[in-house]
Each structure stands twice: as C-alpha cells, then as structure tokens.
Amino acid sequence: MTEHAEVESLSFEDALKRLEAIVGRLERGDVPLDESISLYAEGDRLRAQCEARLAAAQARIEKITLGPDGQPAGTQPFDA
C-alpha cells in the first residue's frame, strides 16, 4: 500500500492524531532536514484528507426547519 493510500484509509481521528504528532516533531526542531521535508509532505496529505472528510460530513448535515406553528416541518441543507 502506498503512503498516499495509507493516508486515505485512516479515519478522521487517526489522521488528525498523526498530523498532531508530525507537527509536534517539526516544532521541536530535532528532525534532520530530509526527514522534515518528508514529514511536511505527509502532514500536507493528512491535512487535505482531514479537510475532505470534514467537507463530506458537512455536506450530509441538514438543519431542521420549523413551520409557522413552531413544529418541525422538514429539513434543508446546512449553510456553512
């Protein structure tokens, strides 16, 4: 499995944990330059994956609309 496919197979939570670990390592500054570049690239793929999963989740969210009597009358797509 390629690294790109591995990123896509992670759950949102696992991708976010991995991204946080990468940021922590990069912030410490004790990673050699070549490894920093690889970690940055992986982090960018993880960030994109997390954003895509959030966008997909948001697209599924609907808000409940109320009728004139204040009772639920249906749903409509969520507006961000």
Protein backbone atom coordinates (compact mmCIF):
# COMPACT_ATOMS: atom_id res chain seq x y z
CA MET A 1 0.00 0.00 0.00
CA THR A 2 1.40 3.42 -0.91
CA GLU A 3 1.75 6.17 1.67
CA HIS A 4 -0.99 8.14 -0.11
CA ALA A 5 -3.37 5.17 0.10
CA GLU A 6 -2.49 4.71 3.77
CA VAL A 7 -3.46 8.33 4.49
CA GLU A 8 -6.79 7.90 2.69
CA SER A 9 -7.59 4.76 4.69
CA LEU A 10 -7.16 6.49 8.07
CA SER A 11 -10.20 7.61 10.00
CA PHE A 12 -10.53 11.35 10.57
CA GLU A 13 -9.49 10.90 14.19
CA ASP A 14 -6.43 8.80 13.34
CA ALA A 15 -5.36 11.21 10.59
CA LEU A 16 -5.68 14.13 12.99
CA LYS A 17 -3.62 12.32 15.67
CA ARG A 18 -0.91 11.56 13.12
CA LEU A 19 -0.93 15.16 11.92
CA GLU A 20 -0.60 16.42 15.50
CA ALA A 21 2.35 14.07 16.07
CA ILE A 22 4.05 15.35 12.91
CA VAL A 23 3.53 18.98 13.92
CA GLY A 24 4.97 18.22 17.35
CA ARG A 25 8.09 16.66 15.87
CA LEU A 26 8.59 19.52 13.43
CA GLU A 27 8.08 22.13 16.16
CA ARG A 28 10.74 20.51 18.35
CA GLY A 29 13.23 21.09 15.54
CA ASP A 30 15.27 17.97 16.22
CA VAL A 31 14.44 16.22 12.92
CA PRO A 32 17.03 16.14 10.11
CA LEU A 33 16.19 18.28 7.07
CA ASP A 34 15.38 15.38 4.70
CA GLU A 35 13.07 13.80 7.26
CA SER A 36 11.46 17.21 7.94
CA ILE A 37 10.64 17.55 4.26
CA SER A 38 9.09 14.06 4.19
CA LEU A 39 7.12 14.75 7.36
CA TYR A 40 5.89 18.06 5.97
CA ALA A 41 4.69 16.33 2.77
CA GLU A 42 2.90 13.64 4.79
CA GLY A 43 1.37 16.32 7.02
CA ASP A 44 0.08 18.17 3.98
CA ARG A 45 -1.60 14.98 2.70
CA LEU A 46 -3.11 14.38 6.14
CA ARG A 47 -4.39 17.98 6.31
CA ALA A 48 -6.02 17.62 2.89
CA GLN A 49 -7.60 14.30 3.92
CA CYS A 50 -8.99 15.81 7.14
CA GLU A 51 -10.42 18.79 5.22
CA ALA A 52 -12.05 16.47 2.67
CA ARG A 53 -13.63 14.35 5.41
CA LEU A 54 -14.94 17.45 7.19
CA ALA A 55 -16.41 18.81 3.94
CA ALA A 56 -18.10 15.46 3.25
CA ALA A 57 -19.54 15.38 6.76
CA GLN A 58 -20.78 18.94 6.47
CA ALA A 59 -22.49 18.12 3.17
CA ARG A 60 -24.50 15.42 4.97
CA ILE A 61 -25.65 17.70 7.76
CA GLU A 62 -29.16 19.06 7.42
CA LYS A 63 -30.90 21.56 9.57
CA ILE A 64 -34.45 21.16 10.77
CA THR A 65 -36.89 23.78 9.56
CA LEU A 66 -39.85 24.81 11.67
CA GLY A 67 -43.34 25.55 10.43
CA PRO A 68 -45.45 28.57 11.45
CA ASP A 69 -46.65 26.65 14.49
CA GLY A 70 -43.06 26.10 15.69
CA GLN A 71 -43.17 22.37 14.99
CA PRO A 72 -40.56 20.63 12.80
CA ALA A 73 -41.66 20.89 9.18
CA GLY A 74 -38.79 19.31 7.31
CA THR A 75 -35.09 19.70 6.62
CA GLN A 76 -32.92 21.70 4.31
CA PRO A 77 -29.18 21.55 3.52
CA PHE A 78 -26.84 23.09 6.05
CA ASP A 79 -25.39 26.51 5.14
CA ALA A 80 -21.83 26.98 6.33
